[in-house]
Full PDB file with SEQRES, HELIX, SHEET, SSBOND, CRYST1, ORIGX, SCALE, CONECT and MASTER records, all heavy atoms in Angstrom:
SEQRES   1 A   32  GLY LEU GLU TRP ASN ASN ALA GLY MET THR VAL ASP LEU          
SEQRES   2 A   32  CYS ILE ALA ARG CYS SER GLN GLU SER PHE LYS TYR ALA          
SEQRES   3 A   32  GLY LEU GLN TYR GLY THR                                      
HELIX    1 AA1 VAL A   11  GLN A   20  1                                  10    
CRYST1    1.000    1.000    1.000  90.00  90.00  90.00 P 1           1          
ORIGX1      1.000000  0.000000  0.000000        0.00000                         
ORIGX2      0.000000  1.000000  0.000000        0.00000                         
ORIGX3      0.000000  0.000000  1.000000        0.00000                         
SCALE1      1.000000  0.000000  0.000000        0.00000                         
SCALE2      0.000000  1.000000  0.000000        0.00000                         
SCALE3      0.000000  0.000000  1.000000        0.00000                         
ATOM      1  N   GLY A   1      -2.565  -5.231   7.430  1.00  0.00           N  
ATOM      2  CA  GLY A   1      -2.666  -6.018   6.156  1.00  0.00           C  
ATOM      3  C   GLY A   1      -2.054  -5.417   4.907  1.00  0.00           C  
ATOM      4  O   GLY A   1      -1.301  -6.084   4.214  1.00  0.00           O  
ATOM      5  N   LEU A   2      -2.254  -4.188   4.818  1.00  0.00           N  
ATOM      6  CA  LEU A   2      -1.767  -3.408   3.614  1.00  0.00           C  
ATOM      7  C   LEU A   2      -1.795  -1.939   4.007  1.00  0.00           C  
ATOM      8  O   LEU A   2      -2.661  -1.411   4.695  1.00  0.00           O  
ATOM      9  CB  LEU A   2      -2.767  -3.635   2.477  1.00  0.00           C  
ATOM     10  CG  LEU A   2      -2.424  -2.999   1.182  1.00  0.00           C  
ATOM     11  CD1 LEU A   2      -2.698  -3.932   0.008  1.00  0.00           C  
ATOM     12  CD2 LEU A   2      -3.345  -1.772   0.960  1.00  0.00           C  
ATOM     13  N   GLU A   3      -0.769  -1.200   3.466  1.00  0.00           N  
ATOM     14  CA  GLU A   3      -0.799   0.191   3.595  1.00  0.00           C  
ATOM     15  C   GLU A   3      -0.458   0.864   2.269  1.00  0.00           C  
ATOM     16  O   GLU A   3       0.105   0.287   1.360  1.00  0.00           O  
ATOM     17  CB  GLU A   3       0.383   0.615   4.613  1.00  0.00           C  
ATOM     18  CG  GLU A   3       1.760   0.473   4.093  1.00  0.00           C  
ATOM     19  CD  GLU A   3       2.815   0.823   5.061  1.00  0.00           C  
ATOM     20  OE1 GLU A   3       2.577   1.672   5.968  1.00  0.00           O  
ATOM     21  OE2 GLU A   3       4.012   0.414   4.986  1.00  0.00           O  
ATOM     22  N   TRP A   4      -1.069   2.089   2.136  1.00  0.00           N  
ATOM     23  CA  TRP A   4      -1.011   2.774   0.869  1.00  0.00           C  
ATOM     24  C   TRP A   4      -1.216   4.235   1.065  1.00  0.00           C  
ATOM     25  O   TRP A   4      -2.084   4.757   1.803  1.00  0.00           O  
ATOM     26  CB  TRP A   4      -2.211   2.309   0.020  1.00  0.00           C  
ATOM     27  CG  TRP A   4      -2.386   2.947  -1.328  1.00  0.00           C  
ATOM     28  CD1 TRP A   4      -1.479   3.295  -2.218  1.00  0.00           C  
ATOM     29  CD2 TRP A   4      -3.671   3.232  -1.960  1.00  0.00           C  
ATOM     30  NE1 TRP A   4      -2.063   3.905  -3.334  1.00  0.00           N  
ATOM     31  CE2 TRP A   4      -3.441   3.873  -3.178  1.00  0.00           C  
ATOM     32  CE3 TRP A   4      -4.981   3.060  -1.610  1.00  0.00           C  
ATOM     33  CZ2 TRP A   4      -4.423   4.248  -4.059  1.00  0.00           C  
ATOM     34  CZ3 TRP A   4      -6.078   3.443  -2.415  1.00  0.00           C  
ATOM     35  CH2 TRP A   4      -5.663   4.150  -3.649  1.00  0.00           C  
ATOM     36  N   ASN A   5      -0.251   5.040   0.476  1.00  0.00           N  
ATOM     37  CA  ASN A   5      -0.255   6.507   0.676  1.00  0.00           C  
ATOM     38  C   ASN A   5      -0.601   7.066  -0.680  1.00  0.00           C  
ATOM     39  O   ASN A   5       0.018   6.730  -1.625  1.00  0.00           O  
ATOM     40  CB  ASN A   5       1.067   7.000   1.284  1.00  0.00           C  
ATOM     41  CG  ASN A   5       1.066   8.463   1.612  1.00  0.00           C  
ATOM     42  OD1 ASN A   5       0.031   9.093   1.706  1.00  0.00           O  
ATOM     43  ND2 ASN A   5       2.218   9.047   1.755  1.00  0.00           N  
ATOM     44  N   ASN A   6      -1.551   7.977  -0.713  1.00  0.00           N  
ATOM     45  CA  ASN A   6      -1.933   8.552  -1.935  1.00  0.00           C  
ATOM     46  C   ASN A   6      -2.405  10.009  -1.639  1.00  0.00           C  
ATOM     47  O   ASN A   6      -3.305  10.188  -0.905  1.00  0.00           O  
ATOM     48  CB  ASN A   6      -3.060   7.745  -2.627  1.00  0.00           C  
ATOM     49  CG  ASN A   6      -3.514   8.335  -3.917  1.00  0.00           C  
ATOM     50  OD1 ASN A   6      -3.511   9.493  -4.252  1.00  0.00           O  
ATOM     51  ND2 ASN A   6      -4.050   7.426  -4.802  1.00  0.00           N  
ATOM     52  N   ALA A   7      -1.731  11.043  -2.263  1.00  0.00           N  
ATOM     53  CA  ALA A   7      -2.140  12.400  -2.053  1.00  0.00           C  
ATOM     54  C   ALA A   7      -3.576  12.706  -2.426  1.00  0.00           C  
ATOM     55  O   ALA A   7      -4.079  13.682  -1.830  1.00  0.00           O  
ATOM     56  CB  ALA A   7      -1.085  13.314  -2.822  1.00  0.00           C  
ATOM     57  N   GLY A   8      -4.052  11.976  -3.362  1.00  0.00           N  
ATOM     58  CA  GLY A   8      -5.456  12.153  -3.732  1.00  0.00           C  
ATOM     59  C   GLY A   8      -6.509  11.149  -2.997  1.00  0.00           C  
ATOM     60  O   GLY A   8      -7.481  10.914  -3.539  1.00  0.00           O  
ATOM     61  N   MET A   9      -6.161  10.790  -1.773  1.00  0.00           N  
ATOM     62  CA  MET A   9      -6.902   9.831  -1.016  1.00  0.00           C  
ATOM     63  C   MET A   9      -8.335  10.261  -0.795  1.00  0.00           C  
ATOM     64  O   MET A   9      -8.522  11.380  -0.477  1.00  0.00           O  
ATOM     65  CB  MET A   9      -6.246   9.388   0.284  1.00  0.00           C  
ATOM     66  CG  MET A   9      -6.938   8.240   0.992  1.00  0.00           C  
ATOM     67  SD  MET A   9      -6.923   6.634   0.089  1.00  0.00           S  
ATOM     68  CE  MET A   9      -5.172   6.300   0.128  1.00  0.00           C  
ATOM     69  N   THR A  10      -9.250   9.285  -0.901  1.00  0.00           N  
ATOM     70  CA  THR A  10     -10.659   9.542  -0.556  1.00  0.00           C  
ATOM     71  C   THR A  10     -11.080   8.287   0.193  1.00  0.00           C  
ATOM     72  O   THR A  10     -10.419   7.190   0.119  1.00  0.00           O  
ATOM     73  CB  THR A  10     -11.569   9.778  -1.778  1.00  0.00           C  
ATOM     74  OG1 THR A  10     -11.688   8.613  -2.518  1.00  0.00           O  
ATOM     75  CG2 THR A  10     -11.133  10.904  -2.649  1.00  0.00           C  
ATOM     76  N   VAL A  11     -12.298   8.413   0.864  1.00  0.00           N  
ATOM     77  CA  VAL A  11     -12.754   7.155   1.518  1.00  0.00           C  
ATOM     78  C   VAL A  11     -13.119   6.138   0.524  1.00  0.00           C  
ATOM     79  O   VAL A  11     -12.803   4.934   0.730  1.00  0.00           O  
ATOM     80  CB  VAL A  11     -14.092   7.563   2.236  1.00  0.00           C  
ATOM     81  CG1 VAL A  11     -14.788   6.401   2.796  1.00  0.00           C  
ATOM     82  CG2 VAL A  11     -13.802   8.627   3.464  1.00  0.00           C  
ATOM     83  N   ASP A  12     -13.740   6.470  -0.575  1.00  0.00           N  
ATOM     84  CA  ASP A  12     -14.065   5.489  -1.607  1.00  0.00           C  
ATOM     85  C   ASP A  12     -12.770   4.832  -2.167  1.00  0.00           C  
ATOM     86  O   ASP A  12     -12.821   3.498  -2.367  1.00  0.00           O  
ATOM     87  CB  ASP A  12     -14.853   6.228  -2.740  1.00  0.00           C  
ATOM     88  CG  ASP A  12     -16.218   6.645  -2.366  1.00  0.00           C  
ATOM     89  OD1 ASP A  12     -16.731   6.122  -1.333  1.00  0.00           O  
ATOM     90  OD2 ASP A  12     -16.675   7.642  -2.919  1.00  0.00           O  
ATOM     91  N   LEU A  13     -11.744   5.522  -2.433  1.00  0.00           N  
ATOM     92  CA  LEU A  13     -10.493   4.825  -2.946  1.00  0.00           C  
ATOM     93  C   LEU A  13      -9.949   3.854  -1.908  1.00  0.00           C  
ATOM     94  O   LEU A  13      -9.622   2.662  -2.382  1.00  0.00           O  
ATOM     95  CB  LEU A  13      -9.417   5.901  -3.170  1.00  0.00           C  
ATOM     96  CG  LEU A  13      -9.511   6.708  -4.540  1.00  0.00           C  
ATOM     97  CD1 LEU A  13      -8.408   7.742  -4.480  1.00  0.00           C  
ATOM     98  CD2 LEU A  13      -9.299   5.818  -5.727  1.00  0.00           C  
ATOM     99  N   CYS A  14      -9.937   4.112  -0.676  1.00  0.00           N  
ATOM    100  CA  CYS A  14      -9.420   3.295   0.325  1.00  0.00           C  
ATOM    101  C   CYS A  14     -10.287   2.041   0.523  1.00  0.00           C  
ATOM    102  O   CYS A  14      -9.893   0.908   0.548  1.00  0.00           O  
ATOM    103  CB  CYS A  14      -9.328   3.945   1.659  1.00  0.00           C  
ATOM    104  SG  CYS A  14      -8.578   2.972   2.994  1.00  0.00           S  
ATOM    105  N   ILE A  15     -11.612   2.294   0.606  1.00  0.00           N  
ATOM    106  CA  ILE A  15     -12.539   1.119   0.734  1.00  0.00           C  
ATOM    107  C   ILE A  15     -12.426   0.247  -0.475  1.00  0.00           C  
ATOM    108  O   ILE A  15     -12.453  -0.977  -0.428  1.00  0.00           O  
ATOM    109  CB  ILE A  15     -14.005   1.652   0.924  1.00  0.00           C  
ATOM    110  CG1 ILE A  15     -14.153   2.232   2.246  1.00  0.00           C  
ATOM    111  CG2 ILE A  15     -15.035   0.535   0.649  1.00  0.00           C  
ATOM    112  CD1 ILE A  15     -15.473   2.934   2.506  1.00  0.00           C  
ATOM    113  N   ALA A  16     -12.374   0.806  -1.761  1.00  0.00           N  
ATOM    114  CA  ALA A  16     -12.191   0.019  -2.984  1.00  0.00           C  
ATOM    115  C   ALA A  16     -10.980  -0.858  -2.896  1.00  0.00           C  
ATOM    116  O   ALA A  16     -10.952  -2.073  -3.309  1.00  0.00           O  
ATOM    117  CB  ALA A  16     -12.308   0.863  -4.155  1.00  0.00           C  
ATOM    118  N   ARG A  17      -9.869  -0.277  -2.518  1.00  0.00           N  
ATOM    119  CA  ARG A  17      -8.542  -1.005  -2.553  1.00  0.00           C  
ATOM    120  C   ARG A  17      -8.598  -2.105  -1.448  1.00  0.00           C  
ATOM    121  O   ARG A  17      -8.144  -3.232  -1.802  1.00  0.00           O  
ATOM    122  CB  ARG A  17      -7.446  -0.004  -2.195  1.00  0.00           C  
ATOM    123  CG  ARG A  17      -6.066  -0.693  -2.047  1.00  0.00           C  
ATOM    124  CD  ARG A  17      -5.501  -0.893  -3.430  1.00  0.00           C  
ATOM    125  NE  ARG A  17      -4.130  -1.547  -3.402  1.00  0.00           N  
ATOM    126  CZ  ARG A  17      -3.004  -0.913  -3.395  1.00  0.00           C  
ATOM    127  NH1 ARG A  17      -2.945   0.388  -3.531  1.00  0.00           N  
ATOM    128  NH2 ARG A  17      -1.958  -1.645  -3.400  1.00  0.00           N  
ATOM    129  N   CYS A  18      -9.095  -1.831  -0.272  1.00  0.00           N  
ATOM    130  CA  CYS A  18      -9.099  -2.869   0.705  1.00  0.00           C  
ATOM    131  C   CYS A  18     -10.114  -3.995   0.358  1.00  0.00           C  
ATOM    132  O   CYS A  18      -9.850  -5.260   0.596  1.00  0.00           O  
ATOM    133  CB  CYS A  18      -9.541  -2.348   2.053  1.00  0.00           C  
ATOM    134  SG  CYS A  18      -8.216  -1.240   2.783  1.00  0.00           S  
ATOM    135  N   SER A  19     -11.235  -3.626  -0.285  1.00  0.00           N  
ATOM    136  CA  SER A  19     -12.254  -4.541  -0.729  1.00  0.00           C  
ATOM    137  C   SER A  19     -11.621  -5.473  -1.752  1.00  0.00           C  
ATOM    138  O   SER A  19     -11.850  -6.722  -1.825  1.00  0.00           O  
ATOM    139  CB  SER A  19     -13.527  -3.918  -1.249  1.00  0.00           C  
ATOM    140  OG  SER A  19     -14.228  -3.331  -0.203  1.00  0.00           O  
ATOM    141  N   GLN A  20     -10.984  -4.922  -2.717  1.00  0.00           N  
ATOM    142  CA  GLN A  20     -10.213  -5.580  -3.891  1.00  0.00           C  
ATOM    143  C   GLN A  20      -9.300  -6.623  -3.349  1.00  0.00           C  
ATOM    144  O   GLN A  20      -9.151  -7.717  -3.917  1.00  0.00           O  
ATOM    145  CB  GLN A  20      -9.513  -4.568  -4.759  1.00  0.00           C  
ATOM    146  CG  GLN A  20      -8.927  -5.381  -5.968  1.00  0.00           C  
ATOM    147  CD  GLN A  20      -8.148  -4.306  -6.750  1.00  0.00           C  
ATOM    148  OE1 GLN A  20      -7.801  -3.146  -6.320  1.00  0.00           O  
ATOM    149  NE2 GLN A  20      -7.924  -4.569  -8.075  1.00  0.00           N  
ATOM    150  N   GLU A  21      -8.645  -6.313  -2.267  1.00  0.00           N  
ATOM    151  CA  GLU A  21      -7.675  -7.265  -1.622  1.00  0.00           C  
ATOM    152  C   GLU A  21      -8.318  -8.167  -0.661  1.00  0.00           C  
ATOM    153  O   GLU A  21      -7.735  -8.878   0.126  1.00  0.00           O  
ATOM    154  CB  GLU A  21      -6.686  -6.387  -0.903  1.00  0.00           C  
ATOM    155  CG  GLU A  21      -5.802  -5.538  -1.863  1.00  0.00           C  
ATOM    156  CD  GLU A  21      -4.932  -6.309  -2.827  1.00  0.00           C  
ATOM    157  OE1 GLU A  21      -4.541  -7.412  -2.579  1.00  0.00           O  
ATOM    158  OE2 GLU A  21      -4.657  -5.689  -3.971  1.00  0.00           O  
ATOM    159  N   SER A  22      -9.639  -8.234  -0.531  1.00  0.00           N  
ATOM    160  CA  SER A  22     -10.447  -9.180   0.337  1.00  0.00           C  
ATOM    161  C   SER A  22     -10.216  -8.945   1.824  1.00  0.00           C  
ATOM    162  O   SER A  22     -10.310  -9.845   2.644  1.00  0.00           O  
ATOM    163  CB  SER A  22     -10.212 -10.551  -0.029  1.00  0.00           C  
ATOM    164  OG  SER A  22     -10.552 -10.742  -1.424  1.00  0.00           O  
ATOM    165  N   PHE A  23     -10.006  -7.700   2.287  1.00  0.00           N  
ATOM    166  CA  PHE A  23      -9.894  -7.401   3.713  1.00  0.00           C  
ATOM    167  C   PHE A  23     -11.203  -7.095   4.301  1.00  0.00           C  
ATOM    168  O   PHE A  23     -12.174  -6.716   3.543  1.00  0.00           O  
ATOM    169  CB  PHE A  23      -8.898  -6.234   3.989  1.00  0.00           C  
ATOM    170  CG  PHE A  23      -7.456  -6.625   3.756  1.00  0.00           C  
ATOM    171  CD1 PHE A  23      -6.765  -6.220   2.712  1.00  0.00           C  
ATOM    172  CD2 PHE A  23      -6.793  -7.404   4.720  1.00  0.00           C  
ATOM    173  CE1 PHE A  23      -5.398  -6.497   2.397  1.00  0.00           C  
ATOM    174  CE2 PHE A  23      -5.507  -7.727   4.512  1.00  0.00           C  
ATOM    175  CZ  PHE A  23      -4.848  -7.287   3.343  1.00  0.00           C  
ATOM    176  N   LYS A  24     -11.328  -7.191   5.629  1.00  0.00           N  
ATOM    177  CA  LYS A  24     -12.550  -6.906   6.297  1.00  0.00           C  
ATOM    178  C   LYS A  24     -12.818  -5.520   6.724  1.00  0.00           C  
ATOM    179  O   LYS A  24     -13.876  -5.020   6.845  1.00  0.00           O  
ATOM    180  CB  LYS A  24     -12.693  -7.833   7.587  1.00  0.00           C  
ATOM    181  CG  LYS A  24     -12.848  -9.321   7.320  1.00  0.00           C  
ATOM    182  CD  LYS A  24     -12.863 -10.005   8.638  1.00  0.00           C  
ATOM    183  CE  LYS A  24     -12.911 -11.558   8.376  1.00  0.00           C  
ATOM    184  NZ  LYS A  24     -12.972 -12.299   9.723  1.00  0.00           N  
ATOM    185  N   TYR A  25     -11.717  -4.784   6.865  1.00  0.00           N  
ATOM    186  CA  TYR A  25     -11.653  -3.357   7.360  1.00  0.00           C  
ATOM    187  C   TYR A  25     -10.810  -2.473   6.574  1.00  0.00           C  
ATOM    188  O   TYR A  25      -9.681  -2.894   6.118  1.00  0.00           O  
ATOM    189  CB  TYR A  25     -11.311  -3.297   8.763  1.00  0.00           C  
ATOM    190  CG  TYR A  25     -12.122  -4.140   9.773  1.00  0.00           C  
ATOM    191  CD1 TYR A  25     -11.719  -5.361  10.137  1.00  0.00           C  
ATOM    192  CD2 TYR A  25     -13.424  -3.663  10.171  1.00  0.00           C  
ATOM    193  CE1 TYR A  25     -12.566  -6.141  11.051  1.00  0.00           C  
ATOM    194  CE2 TYR A  25     -14.213  -4.479  10.954  1.00  0.00           C  
ATOM    195  CZ  TYR A  25     -13.870  -5.699  11.379  1.00  0.00           C  
ATOM    196  OH  TYR A  25     -14.564  -6.409  12.208  1.00  0.00           O  
ATOM    197  N   ALA A  26     -11.164  -1.254   6.409  1.00  0.00           N  
ATOM    198  CA  ALA A  26     -10.372  -0.145   5.808  1.00  0.00           C  
ATOM    199  C   ALA A  26     -10.234   0.812   6.878  1.00  0.00           C  
ATOM    200  O   ALA A  26     -11.152   1.182   7.606  1.00  0.00           O  
ATOM    201  CB  ALA A  26     -11.004   0.332   4.527  1.00  0.00           C  
ATOM    202  N   GLY A  27      -9.166   1.485   6.927  1.00  0.00           N  
ATOM    203  CA  GLY A  27      -8.878   2.635   7.880  1.00  0.00           C  
ATOM    204  C   GLY A  27      -8.056   3.724   7.222  1.00  0.00           C  
ATOM    205  O   GLY A  27      -7.030   3.441   6.494  1.00  0.00           O  
ATOM    206  N   LEU A  28      -8.513   4.856   7.404  1.00  0.00           N  
ATOM    207  CA  LEU A  28      -7.856   6.070   6.828  1.00  0.00           C  
ATOM    208  C   LEU A  28      -7.178   6.821   7.955  1.00  0.00           C  
ATOM    209  O   LEU A  28      -7.645   6.988   8.985  1.00  0.00           O  
ATOM    210  CB  LEU A  28      -8.838   6.988   6.061  1.00  0.00           C  
ATOM    211  CG  LEU A  28      -9.531   6.251   4.889  1.00  0.00           C  
ATOM    212  CD1 LEU A  28     -10.995   6.028   5.055  1.00  0.00           C  
ATOM    213  CD2 LEU A  28      -9.219   7.127   3.597  1.00  0.00           C  
ATOM    214  N   GLN A  29      -6.040   7.345   7.592  1.00  0.00           N  
ATOM    215  CA  GLN A  29      -5.241   8.015   8.591  1.00  0.00           C  
ATOM    216  C   GLN A  29      -4.420   9.177   7.954  1.00  0.00           C  
ATOM    217  O   GLN A  29      -3.947   9.102   6.901  1.00  0.00           O  
ATOM    218  CB  GLN A  29      -4.291   7.073   9.240  1.00  0.00           C  
ATOM    219  CG  GLN A  29      -3.465   7.447  10.394  1.00  0.00           C  
ATOM    220  CD  GLN A  29      -2.672   6.417  11.077  1.00  0.00           C  
ATOM    221  OE1 GLN A  29      -1.502   6.707  11.338  1.00  0.00           O  
ATOM    222  NE2 GLN A  29      -3.231   5.309  11.285  1.00  0.00           N  
ATOM    223  N   TYR A  30      -4.398  10.333   8.717  1.00  0.00           N  
ATOM    224  CA  TYR A  30      -3.508  11.484   8.424  1.00  0.00           C  
ATOM    225  C   TYR A  30      -3.811  12.052   6.991  1.00  0.00           C  
ATOM    226  O   TYR A  30      -2.911  12.585   6.330  1.00  0.00           O  
ATOM    227  CB  TYR A  30      -2.094  11.020   8.496  1.00  0.00           C  
ATOM    228  CG  TYR A  30      -1.132  12.267   8.794  1.00  0.00           C  
ATOM    229  CD1 TYR A  30      -1.289  12.898   9.983  1.00  0.00           C  
ATOM    230  CD2 TYR A  30      -0.113  12.589   7.961  1.00  0.00           C  
ATOM    231  CE1 TYR A  30      -0.500  14.044  10.296  1.00  0.00           C  
ATOM    232  CE2 TYR A  30       0.744  13.589   8.286  1.00  0.00           C  
ATOM    233  CZ  TYR A  30       0.502  14.340   9.428  1.00  0.00           C  
ATOM    234  OH  TYR A  30       1.374  15.363   9.731  1.00  0.00           O  
ATOM    235  N   GLY A  31      -5.002  11.955   6.520  1.00  0.00           N  
ATOM    236  CA  GLY A  31      -5.420  12.549   5.280  1.00  0.00           C  
ATOM    237  C   GLY A  31      -5.079  11.895   3.984  1.00  0.00           C  
ATOM    238  O   GLY A  31      -5.823  11.998   3.062  1.00  0.00           O  
ATOM    239  N   THR A  32      -4.028  11.079   4.026  1.00  0.00           N  
ATOM    240  CA  THR A  32      -3.574  10.462   2.705  1.00  0.00           C  
ATOM    241  C   THR A  32      -3.282   9.052   2.905  1.00  0.00           C  
ATOM    242  O   THR A  32      -2.966   8.344   1.898  1.00  0.00           O  
ATOM    243  CB  THR A  32      -2.318  11.204   2.165  1.00  0.00           C  
ATOM    244  OG1 THR A  32      -1.346  11.111   3.142  1.00  0.00           O  
ATOM    245  CG2 THR A  32      -2.623  12.705   1.827  1.00  0.00           C  
TER     246      THR A  32                                                      
MASTER        0    0    0    1    0    0    0    6  245    1    0    3          
END                                                                             
């Protein structure tokens, strides 16, 4: 649905972004 790369990635950042976009799942990969 959406991809985002951020050198400062955290679990909370990813969850917040996916929630804001109304997705059901967030997945983190490769550290960033």
